[in-house]
Amino acid sequence: MSEALLYSFRRCPYAMRARLALRYCGVPLRIVEVSLKAKPAEMLALSPKGTVPVLSVDGRVIDESLDIMRWALAQNDPQDWLLQGDPAVLALIAENDLGFKHHLNRYKYAERYPERPMEAYRADGEVFLQKLEALLADRAYLLAEHPSLADMAVAPFVRQFAHVDREWFARTSYRRVQAWLQWFLDSPLFIAVMAKPESV
């Protein structure tokens, strides 16, 4: 495999999870940190929609984060992140991407959605946190006794939700989610992919 090229934005949860999978799988990679206010023409030529992440590898362009993760795992999955193809993995990620992310956006940017108070959007998002709390009742990870694709695809968004009001999150009863998120934040893999790259 030739070196892959990833257009990324360090704090974007979609780009974050793509970087997690690519590093975990050991894909030779060059990362271009994108300024969202001045997106490089080379990236737009590959993916006109103009959102990160965008992966270019062996003549192929993949511009959806979950597709990048799945492509990477098809190359190498040493710790069975895919859980032998368990459909629960993609089902939980879909709940995150289609539901939780919607509520997260409104909670984080509540001033853009003045028709409801911020706390209402937060309560909507808490329904997913409650599900995660229940999943973590008997184990340290969401779907197995070890991290899976679900943990890595969902955690960047829970991190963002928690950071909107850290004091509130710390006071909640989501003790298992808090511990799981702290494990993620302290993991060598997350720390490695969050190292600040050179800007272009």
Protein backbone atom coordinates (compact mmCIF):
# COMPACT_ATOMS: atom_id res chain seq x y z
CA MET A 1 0.00 0.00 0.00
CA SER A 2 1.30 3.46 -0.86
CA GLU A 3 1.18 6.26 1.67
CA ALA A 4 -2.36 7.52 2.20
CA LEU A 5 -3.20 11.22 2.37
CA LEU A 6 -5.75 12.44 4.89
CA TYR A 7 -7.22 15.93 4.93
CA SER A 8 -8.24 16.48 8.52
CA PHE A 9 -9.22 19.07 11.13
CA ARG A 10 -7.87 18.22 14.54
CA ARG A 11 -10.93 18.99 16.67
CA CYS A 12 -13.60 17.67 14.29
CA PRO A 13 -15.05 14.46 15.78
CA TYR A 14 -15.51 12.93 12.33
CA ALA A 15 -11.88 13.56 11.41
CA MET A 16 -10.84 12.43 14.88
CA ARG A 17 -12.41 9.01 14.51
CA ALA A 18 -10.94 8.56 11.04
CA ARG A 19 -7.46 9.28 12.44
CA LEU A 20 -8.07 6.82 15.30
CA ALA A 21 -8.84 3.97 12.92
CA LEU A 22 -6.05 4.75 10.48
CA ARG A 23 -3.45 4.86 13.24
CA TYR A 24 -4.80 1.73 14.93
CA CYS A 25 -4.61 -0.15 11.63
CA GLY A 26 -1.07 1.04 10.93
CA VAL A 27 -1.88 2.66 7.59
CA PRO A 28 1.10 4.68 6.26
CA LEU A 29 -0.34 8.17 6.41
CA ARG A 30 0.37 11.82 5.73
CA ILE A 31 -2.05 14.20 7.40
CA VAL A 32 -2.85 17.65 6.06
CA GLU A 33 -4.42 19.86 8.74
CA VAL A 34 -7.07 21.94 7.01
CA SER A 35 -8.14 25.47 7.84
CA LEU A 36 -11.91 25.35 7.53
CA LYS A 37 -11.86 28.99 6.45
CA ALA A 38 -9.40 28.33 3.64
CA LYS A 39 -9.86 24.79 2.41
CA PRO A 40 -7.08 23.66 0.07
CA ALA A 41 -7.97 23.43 -3.61
CA GLU A 42 -6.41 19.97 -3.72
CA MET A 43 -8.92 18.71 -1.15
CA LEU A 44 -11.87 20.32 -2.93
CA ALA A 45 -10.76 18.73 -6.19
CA LEU A 46 -10.92 15.32 -4.52
CA SER A 47 -14.16 15.96 -2.63
CA PRO A 48 -16.19 19.00 -3.77
CA LYS A 49 -18.48 18.84 -0.70
CA GLY A 50 -15.59 20.35 1.22
CA THR A 51 -15.91 18.57 4.55
CA VAL A 52 -13.25 16.67 6.47
CA PRO A 53 -12.08 13.99 6.65
CA VAL A 54 -11.05 13.14 3.09
CA LEU A 55 -8.79 10.15 2.47
CA SER A 56 -6.90 9.64 -0.78
CA VAL A 57 -5.21 6.26 -1.14
CA ASP A 58 -4.15 4.18 -4.14
CA GLY A 59 -6.23 6.31 -6.51
CA ARG A 60 -9.35 6.06 -4.37
CA VAL A 61 -11.09 8.89 -2.50
CA ILE A 62 -13.12 8.20 0.65
CA ASP A 63 -14.83 11.23 2.17
CA GLU A 64 -17.07 9.83 4.91
CA SER A 65 -15.46 9.16 8.28
CA LEU A 66 -17.18 5.84 8.94
CA ASP A 67 -16.26 4.63 5.44
CA ILE A 68 -12.64 5.57 6.16
CA MET A 69 -12.75 3.62 9.42
CA ARG A 70 -14.21 0.56 7.73
CA TRP A 71 -11.70 0.76 4.89
CA ALA A 72 -8.85 0.92 7.40
CA LEU A 73 -10.19 -2.06 9.34
CA ALA A 74 -10.43 -4.06 6.12
CA GLN A 75 -6.66 -3.60 5.83
CA ASN A 76 -5.87 -4.64 9.40
CA ASP A 77 -7.94 -5.19 12.55
CA PRO A 78 -5.56 -6.70 15.11
CA GLN A 79 -7.84 -6.33 18.13
CA ASP A 80 -11.14 -7.17 16.41
CA TRP A 81 -12.74 -3.74 16.49
CA LEU A 82 -15.38 -5.09 14.09
CA LEU A 83 -16.39 -7.79 16.62
CA GLN A 84 -16.54 -10.41 13.88
CA GLY A 85 -19.10 -8.35 11.98
CA ASP A 86 -21.59 -8.02 14.86
CA PRO A 87 -24.44 -5.82 13.51
CA ALA A 88 -24.75 -4.13 16.91
CA VAL A 89 -21.58 -2.18 16.10
CA LEU A 90 -22.97 -0.31 13.10
CA ALA A 91 -26.40 -0.02 14.71
CA LEU A 92 -25.00 1.86 17.70
CA ILE A 93 -22.90 4.09 15.47
CA ALA A 94 -26.01 4.90 13.42
CA GLU A 95 -27.83 5.96 16.61
CA ASN A 96 -24.91 8.26 17.36
CA ASP A 97 -24.61 9.70 13.87
CA LEU A 98 -28.30 10.11 13.07
CA GLY A 99 -29.76 10.96 16.47
CA PHE A 100 -27.25 11.96 19.11
CA LYS A 101 -25.26 14.21 16.75
CA HIS A 102 -28.47 16.10 15.92
CA HIS A 103 -29.13 16.84 19.59
CA LEU A 104 -25.45 17.58 20.25
CA ASN A 105 -25.40 20.28 17.57
CA ARG A 106 -28.43 21.99 19.09
CA TYR A 107 -27.06 21.72 22.62
CA LYS A 108 -23.63 23.02 21.66
CA TYR A 109 -24.96 25.82 19.45
CA ALA A 110 -28.22 26.50 21.29
CA GLU A 111 -28.11 30.19 20.36
CA ARG A 112 -28.72 29.14 16.75
CA TYR A 113 -31.87 27.25 17.76
CA PRO A 114 -33.70 29.69 20.06
CA GLU A 115 -37.05 27.92 19.74
CA ARG A 116 -36.08 25.72 22.70
CA PRO A 117 -33.85 26.26 25.75
CA MET A 118 -30.37 24.73 25.81
CA GLU A 119 -31.38 22.38 28.62
CA ALA A 120 -34.06 20.83 26.40
CA TYR A 121 -31.51 19.95 23.74
CA ARG A 122 -29.24 18.56 26.42
CA ALA A 123 -32.06 16.38 27.76
CA ASP A 124 -32.64 15.04 24.25
CA GLY A 125 -28.98 14.07 24.04
CA GLU A 126 -29.07 12.49 27.48
CA VAL A 127 -31.30 9.71 26.15
CA PHE A 128 -28.28 8.36 24.26
CA LEU A 129 -26.03 8.80 27.29
CA GLN A 130 -28.51 6.74 29.30
CA LYS A 131 -28.28 3.98 26.70
CA LEU A 132 -24.49 4.04 26.87
CA GLU A 133 -24.61 3.97 30.67
CA ALA A 134 -26.73 0.82 30.49
CA LEU A 135 -24.40 -0.81 27.95
CA LEU A 136 -21.47 -0.17 30.30
CA ALA A 137 -23.20 -1.79 33.28
CA ASP A 138 -21.39 -5.11 32.94
CA ARG A 139 -18.17 -4.19 31.16
CA ALA A 140 -15.72 -1.36 30.57
CA TYR A 141 -16.56 -0.96 26.86
CA LEU A 142 -19.77 -0.51 24.94
CA LEU A 143 -20.25 -3.85 23.19
CA ALA A 144 -17.44 -6.19 24.23
CA GLU A 145 -14.74 -6.84 26.79
CA HIS A 146 -12.34 -4.78 24.66
CA PRO A 147 -12.66 -1.58 22.61
CA SER A 148 -14.55 -1.87 19.34
CA LEU A 149 -15.32 0.31 16.36
CA ALA A 150 -18.40 1.49 18.26
CA ASP A 151 -16.32 2.90 21.13
CA MET A 152 -13.99 4.72 18.77
CA ALA A 153 -16.71 6.07 16.49
CA VAL A 154 -18.95 7.30 19.33
CA ALA A 155 -16.46 8.60 21.92
CA PRO A 156 -15.40 11.76 20.01
CA PHE A 157 -19.03 12.91 20.03
CA VAL A 158 -19.59 12.10 23.71
CA ARG A 159 -16.40 14.05 24.40
CA GLN A 160 -17.87 17.04 22.58
CA PHE A 161 -21.16 16.72 24.47
CA ALA A 162 -19.35 16.52 27.81
CA HIS A 163 -17.24 19.57 27.02
CA VAL A 164 -20.19 21.89 26.38
CA ASP A 165 -20.63 22.18 30.15
CA ARG A 166 -17.96 20.15 31.92
CA GLU A 167 -19.19 21.01 35.41
CA TRP A 168 -22.68 19.76 34.59
CA PHE A 169 -21.31 16.56 33.06
CA ALA A 170 -19.14 15.92 36.12
CA ARG A 171 -22.18 16.25 38.39
CA THR A 172 -24.35 13.81 36.46
CA SER A 173 -25.04 10.24 37.49
CA TYR A 174 -23.47 8.85 34.31
CA ARG A 175 -20.56 7.40 36.26
CA ARG A 176 -19.85 4.59 33.83
CA VAL A 177 -19.95 6.92 30.82
CA GLN A 178 -17.63 9.30 32.66
CA ALA A 179 -15.14 6.51 33.36
CA TRP A 180 -15.38 5.21 29.79
CA LEU A 181 -14.81 8.69 28.38
CA GLN A 182 -11.83 9.22 30.69
CA TRP A 183 -10.37 5.92 29.51
CA PHE A 184 -10.73 7.15 25.93
CA LEU A 185 -9.15 10.55 26.66
CA ASP A 186 -6.22 8.92 28.48
CA SER A 187 -5.63 6.23 25.85
CA PRO A 188 -2.29 6.38 24.01
CA LEU A 189 -4.17 6.10 20.71
CA PHE A 190 -6.30 9.20 21.36
CA ILE A 191 -3.34 11.17 22.70
CA ALA A 192 -1.34 10.27 19.59
CA VAL A 193 -4.01 11.34 17.09
CA MET A 194 -4.61 14.62 18.94
CA ALA A 195 -0.97 15.73 18.67
CA LYS A 196 -0.94 19.07 16.88
CA PRO A 197 0.15 18.67 13.26
CA GLU A 198 1.79 21.30 11.11
CA SER A 199 -0.69 23.62 9.40
CA VAL A 200 -0.74 24.17 5.66
